[in-house]
Amino acid sequence: MKKIFCLALLFLGIGLAAKAQSDTTLQQYTGKYKFAEGSIVLEAVVSLENGSLSVNTSAGSSPLEKQSDDVFVITAFQGTAVFKRNDAKKVIGVSINAMGYALEGTKEDIMMELFEKSGRKI
């Protein structure tokens, strides 16, 4: 009986560790992405809830389903989101192709870093 109990705890621990790793991996995509003035949407917010990514815009929201590295299906809008990285492998933007629209967005925290590096004051 002790062996079964220990084995069950081991599998539970492995499952929780895998979920935590998945959440940490998906967390890198979360944040606010800004699009060019005049775009069909001006911003998109990617969030992580219950181990799943979703995107919310003024046009609506959708789950994001991972297709491959940095590529997600935007299920509600029959499109894709391809996340862009810098040389340090940090997510800095997203390219969205959905419902006939192509959008290029910049992650907001990256925009603040660039603004601060420019030496300008808010």
Protein backbone atom coordinates (compact mmCIF):
# COMPACT_ATOMS: atom_id res chain seq x y z
CA MET A 1 0.00 0.00 0.00
CA LYS A 2 2.86 2.38 0.81
CA LYS A 3 4.40 1.72 -2.60
CA ILE A 4 1.15 2.60 -4.38
CA PHE A 5 0.78 5.77 -2.32
CA CYS A 6 4.39 6.81 -3.03
CA LEU A 7 3.96 6.05 -6.72
CA ALA A 8 0.78 8.14 -6.85
CA LEU A 9 2.57 11.06 -5.15
CA LEU A 10 5.45 10.74 -7.61
CA PHE A 11 3.11 10.95 -10.62
CA LEU A 12 1.24 13.86 -9.06
CA GLY A 13 4.54 15.69 -8.49
CA ILE A 14 5.68 15.08 -12.05
CA GLY A 15 2.34 16.33 -13.38
CA LEU A 16 2.48 19.49 -11.27
CA ALA A 17 6.07 20.15 -12.31
CA ALA A 18 5.16 19.77 -15.99
CA LYS A 19 2.23 22.19 -15.58
CA ALA A 20 4.44 24.72 -13.79
CA GLN A 21 7.02 24.44 -16.59
CA SER A 22 4.29 24.92 -19.20
CA ASP A 23 2.90 27.97 -17.37
CA THR A 24 6.39 29.47 -17.11
CA THR A 25 7.01 28.88 -20.80
CA LEU A 26 3.68 30.43 -21.80
CA GLN A 27 4.15 33.38 -19.42
CA GLN A 28 6.79 34.85 -21.76
CA TYR A 29 4.08 35.64 -24.33
CA THR A 30 1.80 37.54 -21.95
CA GLY A 31 1.55 41.30 -22.06
CA LYS A 32 0.16 44.17 -24.08
CA TYR A 33 1.00 44.48 -27.76
CA LYS A 34 0.53 47.80 -29.57
CA PHE A 35 -0.33 48.08 -33.28
CA ALA A 36 0.08 50.98 -35.70
CA GLU A 37 -2.36 53.88 -35.64
CA GLY A 38 -5.17 53.16 -38.08
CA SER A 39 -5.01 49.37 -37.59
CA ILE A 40 -8.27 47.47 -37.15
CA VAL A 41 -7.22 47.06 -33.49
CA LEU A 42 -4.78 49.30 -31.65
CA GLU A 43 -3.76 46.82 -28.98
CA ALA A 44 -4.04 43.21 -27.92
CA VAL A 45 -3.60 41.80 -24.43
CA VAL A 46 -2.28 38.25 -24.17
CA SER A 47 -2.99 36.63 -20.81
CA LEU A 48 -2.46 33.25 -19.17
CA GLU A 49 -5.29 31.71 -17.20
CA ASN A 50 -5.60 28.12 -16.01
CA GLY A 51 -2.60 27.10 -18.10
CA SER A 52 -3.98 28.49 -21.38
CA LEU A 53 -3.19 31.61 -23.36
CA SER A 54 -5.85 33.92 -24.70
CA VAL A 55 -5.88 37.22 -26.56
CA ASN A 56 -8.28 40.08 -25.96
CA THR A 57 -8.78 43.01 -28.38
CA SER A 58 -11.47 45.57 -29.14
CA ALA A 59 -12.64 43.15 -31.89
CA GLY A 60 -13.14 40.31 -29.38
CA SER A 61 -11.23 37.61 -27.57
CA SER A 62 -9.94 34.17 -28.47
CA PRO A 63 -8.01 31.26 -27.04
CA LEU A 64 -4.52 30.81 -28.46
CA GLU A 65 -3.57 27.22 -29.26
CA LYS A 66 0.12 26.46 -29.64
CA GLN A 67 0.96 25.16 -33.10
CA SER A 68 4.78 25.23 -32.90
CA ASP A 69 7.53 27.33 -31.33
CA ASP A 70 6.26 30.91 -31.12
CA VAL A 71 3.30 30.14 -33.44
CA PHE A 72 -0.26 30.04 -32.12
CA VAL A 73 -3.66 29.57 -33.74
CA ILE A 74 -6.18 32.33 -32.96
CA THR A 75 -9.15 29.97 -32.89
CA ALA A 76 -12.02 32.48 -32.84
CA PHE A 77 -10.64 34.46 -35.78
CA GLN A 78 -9.26 31.69 -38.02
CA GLY A 79 -5.79 33.17 -37.86
CA THR A 80 -2.28 32.85 -36.53
CA ALA A 81 -0.09 34.80 -34.15
CA VAL A 82 3.66 34.50 -34.63
CA PHE A 83 5.64 35.95 -31.74
CA LYS A 84 8.90 37.74 -32.56
CA ARG A 85 12.07 37.62 -30.45
CA ASN A 86 15.20 39.73 -30.16
CA ASP A 87 18.78 38.40 -30.18
CA ALA A 88 18.48 37.68 -26.45
CA LYS A 89 15.45 35.42 -27.22
CA LYS A 90 13.04 37.77 -25.41
CA VAL A 91 9.55 38.13 -26.91
CA ILE A 92 9.34 41.66 -28.35
CA GLY A 93 6.43 41.57 -30.77
CA VAL A 94 3.79 39.65 -32.66
CA SER A 95 2.66 39.25 -36.26
CA ILE A 96 -1.03 38.49 -36.59
CA ASN A 97 -2.76 37.23 -39.72
CA ALA A 98 -6.48 36.78 -39.20
CA MET A 99 -9.64 37.26 -41.24
CA GLY A 100 -7.77 38.95 -44.09
CA TYR A 101 -5.83 41.37 -41.88
CA ALA A 102 -2.07 41.41 -41.26
CA LEU A 103 -0.90 43.26 -38.16
CA GLU A 104 2.54 43.86 -36.67
CA GLY A 105 2.59 44.62 -32.96
CA THR A 106 5.28 45.61 -30.49
CA LYS A 107 5.23 44.37 -26.91
CA GLU A 108 4.59 47.35 -24.63
CA ASP A 109 7.40 46.72 -22.12
CA ILE A 110 9.87 46.65 -25.03
CA MET A 111 8.52 50.01 -26.19
CA MET A 112 9.15 51.43 -22.69
CA GLU A 113 12.71 50.05 -22.69
CA LEU A 114 13.42 51.68 -26.06
CA PHE A 115 11.88 54.96 -24.87
CA GLU A 116 13.99 54.94 -21.72
CA LYS A 117 17.16 54.15 -23.67
CA SER A 118 16.48 57.15 -25.91
CA GLY A 119 16.89 59.40 -22.87
CA ARG A 120 13.52 61.10 -23.32
CA LYS A 121 11.37 62.08 -20.37
CA ILE A 122 7.69 61.23 -20.02
